[in-house]
Amino acid sequence: MSEQQRQGAERDLYRDTWVRYLGYANEVGEAFRSLVPAAVVWLSYGVSSSYVLADAVDKGKKAGEVPSPEAGRSTRVALAVVDTFVWQSLASVAIPGFTINRLCAASLYVLGTMTRWPLTARKWTTTTLGLLAIPVIVHPIDRSVDFLLDSSLRKLYPSVGKPSSS
């Protein structure tokens, strides 16, 4: 097998392609919260949550395809699904969504008290700050969720074949 074919076979659709950005849809929704109807923000959470579910199912399928004794197969699949679902739920939806929500709310408040800008200008500035913050917060949140799960949930897994969601 050529190097290019091997890399293609190892490429993870949910981590190594544009599909990964669907996990960030809720952060974009939160950044635009002051400008769009609440239904649009909820829709963005639906997109991100669908991404999380799809990745968890994908990791479960891949864990089930690994050749090994049948006795540990269902445990391995369940661990892969749970680990991926919890990791993605925290790292892609809950923590970054909350972070962008609070950053935007705080910036809108501060701009309202410290400037005389029209409301529309304050809202667009808040949205811009929220969008600019997304690439800054992603890696620290991912690493923090890794640490959190390594320090808690992953200690409960059997020592052989621990999944890695990151």
N, C-alpha and C. Protein backbone atom coordinates (compact mmCIF):
# COMPACT_ATOMS: atom_id res chain seq x y z
N MET A 1 0.86 -1.19 0.00
CA MET A 1 0.00 0.00 0.00
C MET A 1 0.89 1.24 0.00
N SER A 2 0.59 2.21 -0.85
CA SER A 2 1.40 3.42 -0.91
C SER A 2 1.16 4.29 0.32
N GLU A 3 2.07 5.23 0.54
CA GLU A 3 1.96 6.14 1.69
C GLU A 3 0.67 6.94 1.62
N GLN A 4 0.31 7.39 0.42
CA GLN A 4 -0.91 8.18 0.26
C GLN A 4 -2.16 7.35 0.56
N GLN A 5 -2.20 6.10 0.13
CA GLN A 5 -3.35 5.24 0.41
C GLN A 5 -3.45 4.97 1.90
N ARG A 6 -2.31 4.74 2.56
CA ARG A 6 -2.32 4.45 3.99
C ARG A 6 -2.83 5.67 4.76
N GLN A 7 -2.39 6.87 4.38
CA GLN A 7 -2.87 8.06 5.06
C GLN A 7 -4.37 8.24 4.85
N GLY A 8 -4.85 7.94 3.65
CA GLY A 8 -6.29 8.04 3.37
C GLY A 8 -7.08 7.07 4.21
N ALA A 9 -6.54 5.87 4.42
CA ALA A 9 -7.24 4.86 5.22
C ALA A 9 -7.28 5.26 6.69
N GLU A 10 -6.28 5.99 7.16
CA GLU A 10 -6.21 6.40 8.56
C GLU A 10 -6.93 7.72 8.82
N ARG A 11 -7.35 8.38 7.79
CA ARG A 11 -7.99 9.68 7.93
C ARG A 11 -9.36 9.52 8.59
N ASP A 12 -9.59 10.28 9.62
CA ASP A 12 -10.83 10.24 10.38
C ASP A 12 -11.77 11.32 9.85
N LEU A 13 -12.89 10.91 9.28
CA LEU A 13 -13.86 11.84 8.70
C LEU A 13 -14.28 12.92 9.69
N TYR A 14 -14.44 12.55 10.95
CA TYR A 14 -14.96 13.47 11.96
C TYR A 14 -13.89 14.32 12.63
N ARG A 15 -12.63 14.03 12.38
CA ARG A 15 -11.56 14.79 13.01
C ARG A 15 -10.62 15.45 12.01
N ASP A 16 -10.47 14.87 10.82
CA ASP A 16 -9.45 15.31 9.88
C ASP A 16 -9.98 15.95 8.62
N THR A 17 -11.27 16.24 8.56
CA THR A 17 -11.85 16.84 7.36
C THR A 17 -12.70 18.04 7.77
N TRP A 18 -13.31 18.67 6.78
CA TRP A 18 -14.16 19.83 7.03
C TRP A 18 -15.35 19.48 7.93
N VAL A 19 -15.70 18.22 8.02
CA VAL A 19 -16.84 17.80 8.85
C VAL A 19 -16.62 18.22 10.31
N ARG A 20 -15.36 18.29 10.74
CA ARG A 20 -15.03 18.70 12.11
C ARG A 20 -15.66 20.05 12.46
N TYR A 21 -15.75 20.92 11.46
CA TYR A 21 -16.29 22.25 11.72
C TYR A 21 -17.76 22.25 12.07
N LEU A 22 -18.47 21.18 11.77
CA LEU A 22 -19.88 21.09 12.18
C LEU A 22 -20.00 21.06 13.70
N GLY A 23 -18.97 20.56 14.37
CA GLY A 23 -18.96 20.56 15.82
C GLY A 23 -18.88 21.96 16.41
N TYR A 24 -18.46 22.93 15.61
CA TYR A 24 -18.35 24.31 16.08
C TYR A 24 -19.59 25.14 15.74
N ALA A 25 -20.60 24.53 15.18
CA ALA A 25 -21.79 25.29 14.76
C ALA A 25 -22.43 26.03 15.93
N ASN A 26 -22.47 25.41 17.10
CA ASN A 26 -23.13 26.08 18.23
C ASN A 26 -22.35 27.30 18.71
N GLU A 27 -21.01 27.27 18.57
CA GLU A 27 -20.23 28.46 18.95
C GLU A 27 -20.56 29.62 18.01
N VAL A 28 -20.71 29.30 16.73
CA VAL A 28 -21.10 30.34 15.76
C VAL A 28 -22.51 30.84 16.10
N GLY A 29 -23.40 29.92 16.43
CA GLY A 29 -24.75 30.32 16.84
C GLY A 29 -24.73 31.22 18.05
N GLU A 30 -23.90 30.87 19.03
CA GLU A 30 -23.80 31.71 20.24
C GLU A 30 -23.22 33.09 19.91
N ALA A 31 -22.25 33.14 19.00
CA ALA A 31 -21.69 34.43 18.63
C ALA A 31 -22.74 35.33 17.97
N PHE A 32 -23.65 34.73 17.22
CA PHE A 32 -24.69 35.49 16.53
C PHE A 32 -25.97 35.64 17.35
N ARG A 33 -25.98 35.17 18.58
CA ARG A 33 -27.20 35.16 19.40
C ARG A 33 -27.89 36.52 19.47
N SER A 34 -27.12 37.59 19.58
CA SER A 34 -27.74 38.91 19.71
C SER A 34 -28.34 39.43 18.40
N LEU A 35 -28.03 38.75 17.29
CA LEU A 35 -28.49 39.23 15.99
C LEU A 35 -29.55 38.36 15.34
N VAL A 36 -29.68 37.12 15.79
CA VAL A 36 -30.60 36.18 15.11
C VAL A 36 -31.66 35.69 16.10
N PRO A 37 -32.76 35.16 15.58
CA PRO A 37 -33.77 34.59 16.48
C PRO A 37 -33.21 33.40 17.27
N ALA A 38 -33.76 33.16 18.43
CA ALA A 38 -33.29 32.07 19.29
C ALA A 38 -33.38 30.72 18.58
N ALA A 39 -34.33 30.56 17.68
CA ALA A 39 -34.47 29.29 16.95
C ALA A 39 -33.22 28.98 16.12
N VAL A 40 -32.58 30.00 15.60
CA VAL A 40 -31.35 29.80 14.83
C VAL A 40 -30.23 29.29 15.74
N VAL A 41 -30.15 29.84 16.94
CA VAL A 41 -29.15 29.37 17.90
C VAL A 41 -29.42 27.92 18.28
N TRP A 42 -30.67 27.58 18.52
CA TRP A 42 -31.02 26.19 18.86
C TRP A 42 -30.73 25.26 17.69
N LEU A 43 -30.95 25.72 16.48
CA LEU A 43 -30.62 24.93 15.30
C LEU A 43 -29.12 24.65 15.24
N SER A 44 -28.31 25.64 15.60
CA SER A 44 -26.86 25.45 15.60
C SER A 44 -26.46 24.38 16.62
N TYR A 45 -27.17 24.32 17.74
CA TYR A 45 -26.91 23.26 18.72
C TYR A 45 -27.34 21.90 18.17
N GLY A 46 -28.39 21.88 17.38
CA GLY A 46 -28.82 20.64 16.74
C GLY A 46 -27.77 20.11 15.78
N VAL A 47 -27.15 21.01 15.01
CA VAL A 47 -26.07 20.61 14.10
C VAL A 47 -24.89 20.05 14.88
N SER A 48 -24.47 20.75 15.92
CA SER A 48 -23.33 20.29 16.73
C SER A 48 -23.64 18.97 17.42
N SER A 49 -24.83 18.83 17.95
CA SER A 49 -25.21 17.59 18.63
C SER A 49 -25.28 16.42 17.66
N SER A 50 -25.73 16.68 16.45
CA SER A 50 -25.75 15.63 15.42
C SER A 50 -24.33 15.19 15.09
N TYR A 51 -23.42 16.13 15.02
CA TYR A 51 -22.01 15.82 14.78
C TYR A 51 -21.48 14.92 15.90
N VAL A 52 -21.78 15.27 17.14
CA VAL A 52 -21.32 14.49 18.30
C VAL A 52 -21.85 13.06 18.22
N LEU A 53 -23.14 12.91 17.95
CA LEU A 53 -23.73 11.57 17.84
C LEU A 53 -23.12 10.77 16.70
N ALA A 54 -22.93 11.42 15.55
CA ALA A 54 -22.35 10.73 14.40
C ALA A 54 -20.93 10.27 14.70
N ASP A 55 -20.14 11.10 15.35
CA ASP A 55 -18.77 10.72 15.69
C ASP A 55 -18.76 9.57 16.68
N ALA A 56 -19.63 9.60 17.67
CA ALA A 56 -19.70 8.52 18.66
C ALA A 56 -20.08 7.19 18.00
N VAL A 57 -21.05 7.23 17.11
CA VAL A 57 -21.46 6.02 16.40
C VAL A 57 -20.31 5.51 15.53
N ASP A 58 -19.64 6.42 14.85
CA ASP A 58 -18.51 6.05 14.00
C ASP A 58 -17.40 5.38 14.81
N LYS A 59 -17.09 5.94 15.97
CA LYS A 59 -16.03 5.35 16.80
C LYS A 59 -16.46 3.99 17.34
N GLY A 60 -17.74 3.82 17.63
CA GLY A 60 -18.25 2.52 18.07
C GLY A 60 -18.12 1.49 16.96
N LYS A 61 -18.46 1.88 15.73
CA LYS A 61 -18.33 0.95 14.59
C LYS A 61 -16.88 0.56 14.38
N LYS A 62 -15.99 1.53 14.45
CA LYS A 62 -14.56 1.24 14.26
C LYS A 62 -14.04 0.33 15.36
N ALA A 63 -14.48 0.53 16.59
CA ALA A 63 -14.05 -0.33 17.69
C ALA A 63 -14.57 -1.74 17.50
N GLY A 64 -15.74 -1.88 16.92
CA GLY A 64 -16.31 -3.20 16.67
C GLY A 64 -15.64 -3.94 15.53
N GLU A 65 -14.97 -3.23 14.65
CA GLU A 65 -14.30 -3.85 13.51
C GLU A 65 -12.90 -4.35 13.83
N VAL A 66 -12.36 -3.98 15.00
CA VAL A 66 -11.02 -4.42 15.38
C VAL A 66 -11.07 -5.90 15.70
N PRO A 67 -10.22 -6.70 15.04
CA PRO A 67 -10.23 -8.14 15.32
C PRO A 67 -9.71 -8.43 16.73
N SER A 68 -10.51 -9.15 17.48
CA SER A 68 -10.13 -9.53 18.84
C SER A 68 -11.13 -10.58 19.32
N PRO A 69 -10.88 -11.14 20.51
CA PRO A 69 -11.85 -12.11 21.03
C PRO A 69 -13.24 -11.48 21.16
N GLU A 70 -14.25 -12.25 20.81
CA GLU A 70 -15.63 -11.76 20.81
C GLU A 70 -16.09 -11.34 22.20
N ALA A 71 -15.50 -11.91 23.25
CA ALA A 71 -15.94 -11.64 24.61
C ALA A 71 -15.80 -10.16 24.98
N GLY A 72 -14.76 -9.48 24.51
CA GLY A 72 -14.55 -8.08 24.88
C GLY A 72 -15.07 -7.09 23.87
N ARG A 73 -15.66 -7.58 22.79
CA ARG A 73 -16.10 -6.70 21.71
C ARG A 73 -17.16 -5.70 22.16
N SER A 74 -18.20 -6.15 22.80
CA SER A 74 -19.29 -5.24 23.19
C SER A 74 -18.81 -4.21 24.21
N THR A 75 -17.91 -4.60 25.10
CA THR A 75 -17.35 -3.65 26.06
C THR A 75 -16.53 -2.60 25.35
N ARG A 76 -15.70 -3.04 24.39
CA ARG A 76 -14.86 -2.12 23.64
C ARG A 76 -15.71 -1.12 22.85
N VAL A 77 -16.77 -1.61 22.24
CA VAL A 77 -17.67 -0.74 21.46
C VAL A 77 -18.35 0.26 22.39
N ALA A 78 -18.87 -0.22 23.51
CA ALA A 78 -19.55 0.67 24.46
C ALA A 78 -18.61 1.74 25.00
N LEU A 79 -17.39 1.35 25.33
CA LEU A 79 -16.42 2.32 25.84
C LEU A 79 -16.08 3.37 24.78
N ALA A 80 -15.92 2.92 23.54
CA ALA A 80 -15.61 3.87 22.46
C ALA A 80 -16.74 4.87 22.27
N VAL A 81 -17.98 4.38 22.29
CA VAL A 81 -19.14 5.26 22.09
C VAL A 81 -19.27 6.23 23.27
N VAL A 82 -19.21 5.71 24.49
CA VAL A 82 -19.37 6.57 25.67
C VAL A 82 -18.26 7.59 25.76
N ASP A 83 -17.01 7.15 25.58
CA ASP A 83 -15.88 8.06 25.68
C ASP A 83 -15.98 9.18 24.63
N THR A 84 -16.26 8.80 23.41
CA THR A 84 -16.37 9.80 22.34
C THR A 84 -17.55 10.74 22.59
N PHE A 85 -18.69 10.19 22.99
CA PHE A 85 -19.87 11.02 23.23
C PHE A 85 -19.62 12.02 24.36
N VAL A 86 -19.06 11.56 25.47
CA VAL A 86 -18.81 12.46 26.60
C VAL A 86 -17.77 13.50 26.21
N TRP A 87 -16.67 13.05 25.58
CA TRP A 87 -15.62 13.99 25.21
C TRP A 87 -16.15 15.04 24.25
N GLN A 88 -16.82 14.61 23.19
CA GLN A 88 -17.33 15.56 22.20
C GLN A 88 -18.42 16.47 22.79
N SER A 89 -19.27 15.92 23.64
CA SER A 89 -20.32 16.74 24.26
C SER A 89 -19.73 17.88 25.06
N LEU A 90 -18.67 17.57 25.81
CA LEU A 90 -18.02 18.61 26.61
C LEU A 90 -17.16 19.53 25.75
N ALA A 91 -16.29 18.95 24.91
CA ALA A 91 -15.30 19.74 24.18
C ALA A 91 -15.86 20.46 22.96
N SER A 92 -16.92 19.95 22.37
CA SER A 92 -17.45 20.58 21.16
C SER A 92 -18.75 21.34 21.38
N VAL A 93 -19.50 20.99 22.42
CA VAL A 93 -20.81 21.62 22.59
C VAL A 93 -20.91 22.42 23.89
N ALA A 94 -20.85 21.75 25.01
CA ALA A 94 -21.18 22.39 26.29
C ALA A 94 -20.20 23.50 26.70
N ILE A 95 -18.94 23.17 26.82
CA ILE A 95 -17.97 24.15 27.34
C ILE A 95 -17.74 25.31 26.37
N PRO A 96 -17.48 25.03 25.08
CA PRO A 96 -17.28 26.18 24.19
C PRO A 96 -18.55 27.01 23.98
N GLY A 97 -19.70 26.36 23.94
CA GLY A 97 -20.95 27.12 23.81
C GLY A 97 -21.15 28.06 24.98
N PHE A 98 -20.92 27.54 26.19
CA PHE A 98 -21.04 28.37 27.39
C PHE A 98 -20.01 29.51 27.37
N THR A 99 -18.79 29.18 26.98
CA THR A 99 -17.71 30.18 26.95
C THR A 99 -18.03 31.32 25.99
N ILE A 100 -18.44 30.99 24.78
CA ILE A 100 -18.77 32.03 23.80
C ILE A 100 -20.01 32.81 24.24
N ASN A 101 -20.99 32.13 24.81
CA ASN A 101 -22.20 32.79 25.30
C ASN A 101 -21.84 33.84 26.34
N ARG A 102 -21.03 33.45 27.32
CA ARG A 102 -20.66 34.38 28.39
C ARG A 102 -19.76 35.50 27.89
N LEU A 103 -18.84 35.19 26.99
CA LEU A 103 -17.96 36.21 26.42
C LEU A 103 -18.78 37.25 25.67
N CYS A 104 -19.73 36.80 24.87
CA CYS A 104 -20.57 37.72 24.10
C CYS A 104 -21.49 38.53 25.02
N ALA A 105 -22.07 37.89 26.02
CA ALA A 105 -22.94 38.61 26.95
C ALA A 105 -22.15 39.68 27.71
N ALA A 106 -20.95 39.32 28.16
CA ALA A 106 -20.12 40.28 28.89
C ALA A 106 -19.68 41.43 27.99
N SER A 107 -19.30 41.12 26.76
CA SER A 107 -18.85 42.19 25.88
C SER A 107 -20.00 43.12 25.51
N LEU A 108 -21.19 42.57 25.31
CA LEU A 108 -22.34 43.42 25.01
C LEU A 108 -22.65 44.33 26.20
N TYR A 109 -22.55 43.80 27.41
CA TYR A 109 -22.79 44.60 28.61
C TYR A 109 -21.74 45.70 28.75
N VAL A 110 -20.47 45.32 28.59
CA VAL A 110 -19.39 46.30 28.74
C VAL A 110 -19.50 47.39 27.68
N LEU A 111 -19.76 46.99 26.45
CA LEU A 111 -19.91 48.00 25.39
C LEU A 111 -21.10 48.92 25.66
N GLY A 112 -22.15 48.37 26.27
CA GLY A 112 -23.32 49.19 26.60
C GLY A 112 -23.06 50.18 27.71
N THR A 113 -22.16 49.83 28.64
CA THR A 113 -21.89 50.74 29.75
C THR A 113 -20.73 51.69 29.48
N MET A 114 -19.82 51.31 28.59
CA MET A 114 -18.61 52.12 28.38
C MET A 114 -18.60 52.90 27.07
N THR A 115 -19.57 52.66 26.21
CA THR A 115 -19.59 53.39 24.94
C THR A 115 -20.99 53.97 24.71
N ARG A 116 -21.07 54.83 23.74
CA ARG A 116 -22.36 55.36 23.31
C ARG A 116 -22.69 54.86 21.91
N TRP A 117 -22.11 53.74 21.56
CA TRP A 117 -22.35 53.16 20.24
C TRP A 117 -23.82 52.76 20.13
N PRO A 118 -24.34 52.83 18.92
CA PRO A 118 -25.71 52.35 18.73
C PRO A 118 -25.77 50.84 19.00
N LEU A 119 -26.95 50.37 19.38
CA LEU A 119 -27.13 48.96 19.73
C LEU A 119 -26.68 48.03 18.61
N THR A 120 -26.98 48.38 17.38
CA THR A 120 -26.58 47.53 16.25
C THR A 120 -25.06 47.39 16.18
N ALA A 121 -24.33 48.47 16.36
CA ALA A 121 -22.86 48.42 16.34
C ALA A 121 -22.33 47.57 17.48
N ARG A 122 -22.96 47.71 18.66
CA ARG A 122 -22.53 46.90 19.82
C ARG A 122 -22.77 45.41 19.55
N LYS A 123 -23.91 45.08 18.96
CA LYS A 123 -24.23 43.68 18.68
C LYS A 123 -23.27 43.09 17.65
N TRP A 124 -22.95 43.84 16.60
CA TRP A 124 -22.03 43.32 15.59
C TRP A 124 -20.61 43.20 16.16
N THR A 125 -20.22 44.12 17.02
CA THR A 125 -18.91 44.02 17.67
C THR A 125 -18.85 42.79 18.56
N THR A 126 -19.91 42.55 19.31
CA THR A 126 -20.00 41.37 20.16
C THR A 126 -19.92 40.09 19.33
N THR A 127 -20.64 40.05 18.23
CA THR A 127 -20.62 38.88 17.35
C THR A 127 -19.21 38.66 16.79
N THR A 128 -18.56 39.72 16.37
CA THR A 128 -17.20 39.62 15.84
C THR A 128 -16.24 39.09 16.91
N LEU A 129 -16.35 39.61 18.12
CA LEU A 129 -15.49 39.12 19.21
C LEU A 129 -15.74 37.63 19.47
N GLY A 130 -16.99 37.24 19.46
CA GLY A 130 -17.32 35.82 19.67
C GLY A 130 -16.73 34.94 18.59
N LEU A 131 -16.84 35.36 17.33
CA LEU A 131 -16.29 34.57 16.23
C LEU A 131 -14.76 34.51 16.30
N LEU A 132 -14.14 35.62 16.65
CA LEU A 132 -12.67 35.64 16.77
C LEU A 132 -12.17 34.79 17.93
N ALA A 133 -13.00 34.62 18.95
CA ALA A 133 -12.59 33.82 20.12
C ALA A 133 -12.62 32.33 19.85
N ILE A 134 -13.41 31.89 18.89
CA ILE A 134 -13.57 30.44 18.67
C ILE A 134 -12.24 29.73 18.44
N PRO A 135 -11.40 30.18 17.49
CA PRO A 135 -10.14 29.45 17.30
C PRO A 135 -9.19 29.53 18.50
N VAL A 136 -9.36 30.57 19.31
CA VAL A 136 -8.50 30.73 20.48
C VAL A 136 -8.87 29.74 21.59
N ILE A 137 -10.15 29.45 21.75
CA ILE A 137 -10.59 28.61 22.87
C ILE A 137 -10.57 27.11 22.57
N VAL A 138 -10.53 26.73 21.30
CA VAL A 138 -10.69 25.32 20.93
C VAL A 138 -9.64 24.41 21.57
N HIS A 139 -8.37 24.68 21.34
CA HIS A 139 -7.33 23.77 21.83
C HIS A 139 -7.23 23.75 23.36
N PRO A 140 -7.30 24.88 24.05
CA PRO A 140 -7.28 24.80 25.52
C PRO A 140 -8.46 24.00 26.08
N ILE A 141 -9.63 24.14 25.48
CA ILE A 141 -10.79 23.37 25.95
C ILE A 141 -10.58 21.89 25.66
N ASP A 142 -10.11 21.56 24.46
CA ASP A 142 -9.85 20.15 24.12
C ASP A 142 -8.88 19.52 25.12
N ARG A 143 -7.78 20.21 25.41
CA ARG A 143 -6.78 19.67 26.34
C ARG A 143 -7.36 19.57 27.76
N SER A 144 -8.17 20.53 28.15
CA SER A 144 -8.78 20.49 29.49
C SER A 144 -9.76 19.33 29.62
N VAL A 145 -10.52 19.06 28.57
CA VAL A 145 -11.45 17.93 28.60
C VAL A 145 -10.68 16.62 28.61
N ASP A 146 -9.57 16.54 27.86
CA ASP A 146 -8.70 15.36 27.93
C ASP A 146 -8.26 15.12 29.38
N PHE A 147 -7.77 16.17 30.02
CA PHE A 147 -7.31 16.05 31.41
C PHE A 147 -8.45 15.64 32.34
N LEU A 148 -9.61 16.26 32.16
CA LEU A 148 -10.77 15.94 33.00
C LEU A 148 -11.16 14.46 32.86
N LEU A 149 -11.26 13.99 31.63
CA LEU A 149 -11.66 12.59 31.42
C LEU A 149 -10.56 11.62 31.85
N ASP A 150 -9.30 11.98 31.61
CA ASP A 150 -8.20 11.12 32.06
C ASP A 150 -8.17 11.02 33.59
N SER A 151 -8.61 12.08 34.25
CA SER A 151 -8.60 12.12 35.71
C SER A 151 -9.86 11.54 36.33
N SER A 152 -10.85 11.22 35.53
CA SER A 152 -12.11 10.75 36.10
C SER A 152 -12.64 9.53 35.35
N LEU A 153 -13.45 9.74 34.35
CA LEU A 153 -14.15 8.67 33.64
C LEU A 153 -13.22 7.60 33.10
N ARG A 154 -12.12 7.99 32.51
CA ARG A 154 -11.22 7.02 31.90
C ARG A 154 -10.50 6.14 32.91
N LYS A 155 -10.49 6.54 34.16
CA LYS A 155 -9.92 5.67 35.21
C LYS A 155 -10.80 4.46 35.47
N LEU A 156 -12.05 4.54 35.05
CA LEU A 156 -12.98 3.43 35.25
C LEU A 156 -12.87 2.36 34.17
N TYR A 157 -12.24 2.70 33.03
CA TYR A 157 -12.13 1.76 31.92
C TYR A 157 -11.14 0.65 32.26
N PRO A 158 -11.35 -0.51 31.65
CA PRO A 158 -10.33 -1.56 31.77
C PRO A 158 -9.01 -1.05 31.20
N SER A 159 -7.91 -1.53 31.74
CA SER A 159 -6.60 -0.98 31.36
C SER A 159 -6.22 -1.30 29.93
N VAL A 160 -6.78 -2.33 29.31
CA VAL A 160 -6.42 -2.68 27.94
C VAL A 160 -7.34 -1.98 26.96
N GLY A 161 -6.76 -1.33 25.97
CA GLY A 161 -7.55 -0.75 24.89
C GLY A 161 -8.36 0.46 25.27
N LYS A 162 -7.78 1.36 26.10
CA LYS A 162 -8.51 2.56 26.44
C LYS A 162 -8.71 3.41 25.20
N PRO A 163 -9.92 3.92 25.01
CA PRO A 163 -10.16 4.76 23.83
C PRO A 163 -9.51 6.12 23.99
N SER A 164 -9.21 6.74 22.89
CA SER A 164 -8.70 8.10 22.88
C SER A 164 -9.57 8.94 21.97
N SER A 165 -10.32 9.84 22.55
CA SER A 165 -11.27 10.63 21.77
C SER A 165 -10.65 11.86 21.15
N SER A 166 -9.48 12.25 21.63
CA SER A 166 -8.93 13.52 21.14
C SER A 166 -8.14 13.38 19.90
